Structure formats: C-alpha cells, structure tokens
Amino acid sequence: MALIQIEEEIFKDMLDRVAYLHKLYIKLYESLRNKGIGDWLTMEQVCDILNVSDTT
C-alpha cells in the first residue's frame, strides 16, 4: 500500500471543491426531480445552474 502526503491547505482546497460540486449536484437534482419527460432544461438553464458558459 502506498502512502501519499499532501499539504493541509491543498487538502482543504480539495474538500472545498468537492463541497462546491456537491452543492451544484443538489441544485441540479432539485431542478429536475419533479419534471416530466417533456420538461427538459434548456442549455442556458443548465449552464446557469452549473455557473458555466455555454461554450464550456
């Protein structure tokens, strides 16, 4: 078994990023959970939820 060491600050940054992605996932899930097949989100709505541009 290998042991990997990382600096505490880097580890905290990694946890912050995971928490941010979790928050985005929950927000997207909440937007979709009660929608039917005909209620798809537009690309603009998805990009807005994920806070990215449509070219990304």
PDB file of N, CA and C in Angstrom:
ATOM      1  N   MET A   1       0.849  -1.170   0.000  1.00  0.00           N
ATOM      2  CA  MET A   1       0.000   0.000   0.000  1.00  0.00           C
ATOM      3  C   MET A   1       0.899   1.240   0.000  1.00  0.00           C
ATOM      4  N   ALA A   2       0.553   2.203  -0.868  1.00  0.00           N
ATOM      5  CA  ALA A   2       1.329   3.430  -0.985  1.00  0.00           C
ATOM      6  C   ALA A   2       0.741   4.513  -0.080  1.00  0.00           C
ATOM      7  N   LEU A   3       1.592   5.362   0.403  1.00  0.00           N
ATOM      8  CA  LEU A   3       1.179   6.474   1.248  1.00  0.00           C
ATOM      9  C   LEU A   3       1.493   7.767   0.507  1.00  0.00           C
ATOM     10  N   ILE A   4       0.500   8.623   0.394  1.00  0.00           N
ATOM     11  CA  ILE A   4       0.676   9.896  -0.298  1.00  0.00           C
ATOM     12  C   ILE A   4       0.460  11.014   0.706  1.00  0.00           C
ATOM     13  N   GLN A   5       1.379  11.951   0.732  1.00  0.00           N
ATOM     14  CA  GLN A   5       1.263  13.095   1.629  1.00  0.00           C
ATOM     15  C   GLN A   5       0.953  14.344   0.812  1.00  0.00           C
ATOM     16  N   ILE A   6       0.021  15.139   1.309  1.00  0.00           N
ATOM     17  CA  ILE A   6      -0.264  16.426   0.695  1.00  0.00           C
ATOM     18  C   ILE A   6      -0.361  17.469   1.809  1.00  0.00           C
ATOM     19  N   GLU A   7      -0.134  18.701   1.427  1.00  0.00           N
ATOM     20  CA  GLU A   7      -0.184  19.777   2.404  1.00  0.00           C
ATOM     21  C   GLU A   7      -1.622  19.973   2.876  1.00  0.00           C
ATOM     22  N   GLU A   8      -1.757  20.391   4.112  1.00  0.00           N
ATOM     23  CA  GLU A   8      -3.077  20.575   4.716  1.00  0.00           C
ATOM     24  C   GLU A   8      -3.925  21.562   3.919  1.00  0.00           C
ATOM     25  N   GLU A   9      -3.331  22.655   3.479  1.00  0.00           N
ATOM     26  CA  GLU A   9      -4.071  23.677   2.725  1.00  0.00           C
ATOM     27  C   GLU A   9      -4.598  23.118   1.401  1.00  0.00           C
ATOM     28  N   ILE A  10      -3.785  22.304   0.736  1.00  0.00           N
ATOM     29  CA  ILE A  10      -4.217  21.673  -0.519  1.00  0.00           C
ATOM     30  C   ILE A  10      -5.379  20.730  -0.252  1.00  0.00           C
ATOM     31  N   PHE A  11      -5.302  19.960   0.819  1.00  0.00           N
ATOM     32  CA  PHE A  11      -6.371  19.044   1.180  1.00  0.00           C
ATOM     33  C   PHE A  11      -7.668  19.807   1.457  1.00  0.00           C
ATOM     34  N   LYS A  12      -7.564  20.914   2.176  1.00  0.00           N
ATOM     35  CA  LYS A  12      -8.742  21.728   2.459  1.00  0.00           C
ATOM     36  C   LYS A  12      -9.342  22.293   1.170  1.00  0.00           C
ATOM     37  N   ASP A  13      -8.497  22.719   0.245  1.00  0.00           N
ATOM     38  CA  ASP A  13      -8.980  23.205  -1.052  1.00  0.00           C
ATOM     39  C   ASP A  13      -9.710  22.100  -1.811  1.00  0.00           C
ATOM     40  N   MET A  14      -9.180  20.894  -1.753  1.00  0.00           N
ATOM     41  CA  MET A  14      -9.833  19.760  -2.417  1.00  0.00           C
ATOM     42  C   MET A  14     -11.216  19.508  -1.815  1.00  0.00           C
ATOM     43  N   LEU A  15     -11.310  19.559  -0.495  1.00  0.00           N
ATOM     44  CA  LEU A  15     -12.595  19.361   0.170  1.00  0.00           C
ATOM     45  C   LEU A  15     -13.581  20.470  -0.188  1.00  0.00           C
ATOM     46  N   ASP A  16     -13.093  21.699  -0.303  1.00  0.00           N
ATOM     47  CA  ASP A  16     -13.943  22.818  -0.700  1.00  0.00           C
ATOM     48  C   ASP A  16     -14.501  22.608  -2.108  1.00  0.00           C
ATOM     49  N   ARG A  17     -13.673  22.109  -3.002  1.00  0.00           N
ATOM     50  CA  ARG A  17     -14.124  21.869  -4.379  1.00  0.00           C
ATOM     51  C   ARG A  17     -15.160  20.756  -4.438  1.00  0.00           C
ATOM     52  N   VAL A  18     -14.956  19.718  -3.649  1.00  0.00           N
ATOM     53  CA  VAL A  18     -15.923  18.628  -3.596  1.00  0.00           C
ATOM     54  C   VAL A  18     -17.253  19.138  -3.025  1.00  0.00           C
ATOM     55  N   ALA A  19     -17.187  19.966  -2.007  1.00  0.00           N
ATOM     56  CA  ALA A  19     -18.398  20.535  -1.420  1.00  0.00           C
ATOM     57  C   ALA A  19     -19.136  21.410  -2.441  1.00  0.00           C
ATOM     58  N   TYR A  20     -18.384  22.173  -3.220  1.00  0.00           N
ATOM     59  CA  TYR A  20     -18.976  23.017  -4.262  1.00  0.00           C
ATOM     60  C   TYR A  20     -19.665  22.155  -5.321  1.00  0.00           C
ATOM     61  N   LEU A  21     -19.009  21.094  -5.762  1.00  0.00           N
ATOM     62  CA  LEU A  21     -19.612  20.197  -6.752  1.00  0.00           C
ATOM     63  C   LEU A  21     -20.858  19.521  -6.193  1.00  0.00           C
ATOM     64  N   HIS A  22     -20.822  19.166  -4.930  1.00  0.00           N
ATOM     65  CA  HIS A  22     -21.997  18.562  -4.289  1.00  0.00           C
ATOM     66  C   HIS A  22     -23.156  19.549  -4.282  1.00  0.00           C
ATOM     67  N   LYS A  23     -22.864  20.798  -3.961  1.00  0.00           N
ATOM     68  CA  LYS A  23     -23.896  21.838  -3.960  1.00  0.00           C
ATOM     69  C   LYS A  23     -24.508  21.995  -5.349  1.00  0.00           C
ATOM     70  N   LEU A  24     -23.688  21.983  -6.396  1.00  0.00           N
ATOM     71  CA  LEU A  24     -24.195  22.085  -7.759  1.00  0.00           C
ATOM     72  C   LEU A  24     -25.058  20.877  -8.118  1.00  0.00           C
ATOM     73  N   TYR A  25     -24.615  19.701  -7.713  1.00  0.00           N
ATOM     74  CA  TYR A  25     -25.363  18.472  -7.980  1.00  0.00           C
ATOM     75  C   TYR A  25     -26.745  18.541  -7.333  1.00  0.00           C
ATOM     76  N   ILE A  26     -26.808  18.959  -6.077  1.00  0.00           N
ATOM     77  CA  ILE A  26     -28.082  19.055  -5.360  1.00  0.00           C
ATOM     78  C   ILE A  26     -28.992  20.076  -6.040  1.00  0.00           C
ATOM     79  N   LYS A  27     -28.431  21.206  -6.446  1.00  0.00           N
ATOM     80  CA  LYS A  27     -29.219  22.240  -7.111  1.00  0.00           C
ATOM     81  C   LYS A  27     -29.795  21.714  -8.426  1.00  0.00           C
ATOM     82  N   LEU A  28     -29.001  21.008  -9.191  1.00  0.00           N
ATOM     83  CA  LEU A  28     -29.467  20.427 -10.450  1.00  0.00           C
ATOM     84  C   LEU A  28     -30.523  19.362 -10.185  1.00  0.00           C
ATOM     85  N   TYR A  29     -30.296  18.516  -9.201  1.00  0.00           N
ATOM     86  CA  TYR A  29     -31.255  17.477  -8.843  1.00  0.00           C
ATOM     87  C   TYR A  29     -32.596  18.084  -8.443  1.00  0.00           C
ATOM     88  N   GLU A  30     -32.556  19.122  -7.611  1.00  0.00           N
ATOM     89  CA  GLU A  30     -33.787  19.774  -7.172  1.00  0.00           C
ATOM     90  C   GLU A  30     -34.541  20.367  -8.357  1.00  0.00           C
ATOM     91  N   SER A  31     -33.823  20.841  -9.361  1.00  0.00           N
ATOM     92  CA  SER A  31     -34.457  21.409 -10.552  1.00  0.00           C
ATOM     93  C   SER A  31     -35.125  20.339 -11.404  1.00  0.00           C
ATOM     94  N   LEU A  32     -34.631  19.113 -11.321  1.00  0.00           N
ATOM     95  CA  LEU A  32     -35.103  18.060 -12.217  1.00  0.00           C
ATOM     96  C   LEU A  32     -36.037  17.039 -11.586  1.00  0.00           C
ATOM     97  N   ARG A  33     -36.021  16.893 -10.285  1.00  0.00           N
ATOM     98  CA  ARG A  33     -36.689  15.755  -9.670  1.00  0.00           C
ATOM     99  C   ARG A  33     -38.191  15.691  -9.883  1.00  0.00           C
ATOM    100  N   ASN A  34     -38.859  16.805 -10.052  1.00  0.00           N
ATOM    101  CA  ASN A  34     -40.309  16.784 -10.250  1.00  0.00           C
ATOM    102  C   ASN A  34     -40.714  17.065 -11.698  1.00  0.00           C
ATOM    103  N   LYS A  35     -39.775  17.042 -12.602  1.00  0.00           N
ATOM    104  CA  LYS A  35     -40.067  17.335 -14.002  1.00  0.00           C
ATOM    105  C   LYS A  35     -40.385  16.051 -14.756  1.00  0.00           C
ATOM    106  N   GLY A  36     -41.287  16.181 -15.694  1.00  0.00           N
ATOM    107  CA  GLY A  36     -41.608  15.065 -16.564  1.00  0.00           C
ATOM    108  C   GLY A  36     -40.692  15.042 -17.770  1.00  0.00           C
ATOM    109  N   ILE A  37     -40.872  14.059 -18.619  1.00  0.00           N
ATOM    110  CA  ILE A  37     -40.025  13.910 -19.803  1.00  0.00           C
ATOM    111  C   ILE A  37     -40.089  15.142 -20.700  1.00  0.00           C
ATOM    112  N   GLY A  38     -41.239  15.812 -20.739  1.00  0.00           N
ATOM    113  CA  GLY A  38     -41.381  16.993 -21.590  1.00  0.00           C
ATOM    114  C   GLY A  38     -40.864  18.268 -20.971  1.00  0.00           C
ATOM    115  N   ASP A  39     -40.345  18.187 -19.764  1.00  0.00           N
ATOM    116  CA  ASP A  39     -39.882  19.371 -19.043  1.00  0.00           C
ATOM    117  C   ASP A  39     -38.361  19.489 -18.984  1.00  0.00           C
ATOM    118  N   TRP A  40     -37.695  19.142 -20.052  1.00  0.00           N
ATOM    119  CA  TRP A  40     -36.229  19.203 -20.074  1.00  0.00           C
ATOM    120  C   TRP A  40     -35.755  20.631 -19.889  1.00  0.00           C
ATOM    121  N   LEU A  41     -34.599  20.778 -19.280  1.00  0.00           N
ATOM    122  CA  LEU A  41     -33.985  22.096 -19.129  1.00  0.00           C
ATOM    123  C   LEU A  41     -33.333  22.507 -20.441  1.00  0.00           C
ATOM    124  N   THR A  42     -33.295  23.803 -20.682  1.00  0.00           N
ATOM    125  CA  THR A  42     -32.573  24.309 -21.843  1.00  0.00           C
ATOM    126  C   THR A  42     -31.075  24.338 -21.513  1.00  0.00           C
ATOM    127  N   MET A  43     -30.270  24.448 -22.537  1.00  0.00           N
ATOM    128  CA  MET A  43     -28.820  24.548 -22.328  1.00  0.00           C
ATOM    129  C   MET A  43     -28.505  25.767 -21.465  1.00  0.00           C
ATOM    130  N   GLU A  44     -29.212  26.852 -21.699  1.00  0.00           N
ATOM    131  CA  GLU A  44     -28.988  28.072 -20.920  1.00  0.00           C
ATOM    132  C   GLU A  44     -29.286  27.843 -19.436  1.00  0.00           C
ATOM    133  N   GLN A  45     -30.359  27.128 -19.136  1.00  0.00           N
ATOM    134  CA  GLN A  45     -30.711  26.845 -17.745  1.00  0.00           C
ATOM    135  C   GLN A  45     -29.656  25.974 -17.069  1.00  0.00           C
ATOM    136  N   VAL A  46     -29.195  24.949 -17.771  1.00  0.00           N
ATOM    137  CA  VAL A  46     -28.164  24.062 -17.214  1.00  0.00           C
ATOM    138  C   VAL A  46     -26.884  24.835 -16.956  1.00  0.00           C
ATOM    139  N   CYS A  47     -26.474  25.648 -17.926  1.00  0.00           N
ATOM    140  CA  CYS A  47     -25.252  26.441 -17.760  1.00  0.00           C
ATOM    141  C   CYS A  47     -25.390  27.415 -16.596  1.00  0.00           C
ATOM    142  N   ASP A  48     -26.584  27.982 -16.441  1.00  0.00           N
ATOM    143  CA  ASP A  48     -26.811  28.902 -15.331  1.00  0.00           C
ATOM    144  C   ASP A  48     -26.700  28.159 -13.989  1.00  0.00           C
ATOM    145  N   ILE A  49     -27.292  26.989 -13.893  1.00  0.00           N
ATOM    146  CA  ILE A  49     -27.223  26.204 -12.665  1.00  0.00           C
ATOM    147  C   ILE A  49     -25.787  25.823 -12.335  1.00  0.00           C
ATOM    148  N   LEU A  50     -25.044  25.419 -13.375  1.00  0.00           N
ATOM    149  CA  LEU A  50     -23.653  24.982 -13.161  1.00  0.00           C
ATOM    150  C   LEU A  50     -22.670  26.143 -13.125  1.00  0.00           C
ATOM    151  N   ASN A  51     -23.168  27.343 -13.401  1.00  0.00           N
ATOM    152  CA  ASN A  51     -22.332  28.549 -13.390  1.00  0.00           C
ATOM    153  C   ASN A  51     -21.167  28.437 -14.378  1.00  0.00           C
ATOM    154  N   VAL A  52     -21.497  27.991 -15.592  1.00  0.00           N
ATOM    155  CA  VAL A  52     -20.508  27.905 -16.669  1.00  0.00           C
ATOM    156  C   VAL A  52     -21.095  28.551 -17.919  1.00  0.00           C
ATOM    157  N   SER A  53     -20.230  28.909 -18.849  1.00  0.00           N
ATOM    158  CA  SER A  53     -20.722  29.470 -20.107  1.00  0.00           C
ATOM    159  C   SER A  53     -21.173  28.339 -21.029  1.00  0.00           C
ATOM    160  N   ASP A  54     -22.000  28.666 -22.001  1.00  0.00           N
ATOM    161  CA  ASP A  54     -22.488  27.618 -22.899  1.00  0.00           C
ATOM    162  C   ASP A  54     -21.387  27.070 -23.807  1.00  0.00           C
ATOM    163  N   THR A  55     -20.306  27.800 -23.968  1.00  0.00           N
ATOM    164  CA  THR A  55     -19.189  27.296 -24.770  1.00  0.00           C
ATOM    165  C   THR A  55     -18.330  26.309 -23.973  1.00  0.00           C
ATOM    166  N   THR A  56     -18.458  26.340 -22.648  1.00  0.00           N
ATOM    167  CA  THR A  56     -17.706  25.423 -21.821  1.00  0.00           C
ATOM    168  C   THR A  56     -18.290  24.038 -21.942  1.00  0.00           C
TER     169      THR A  56
END
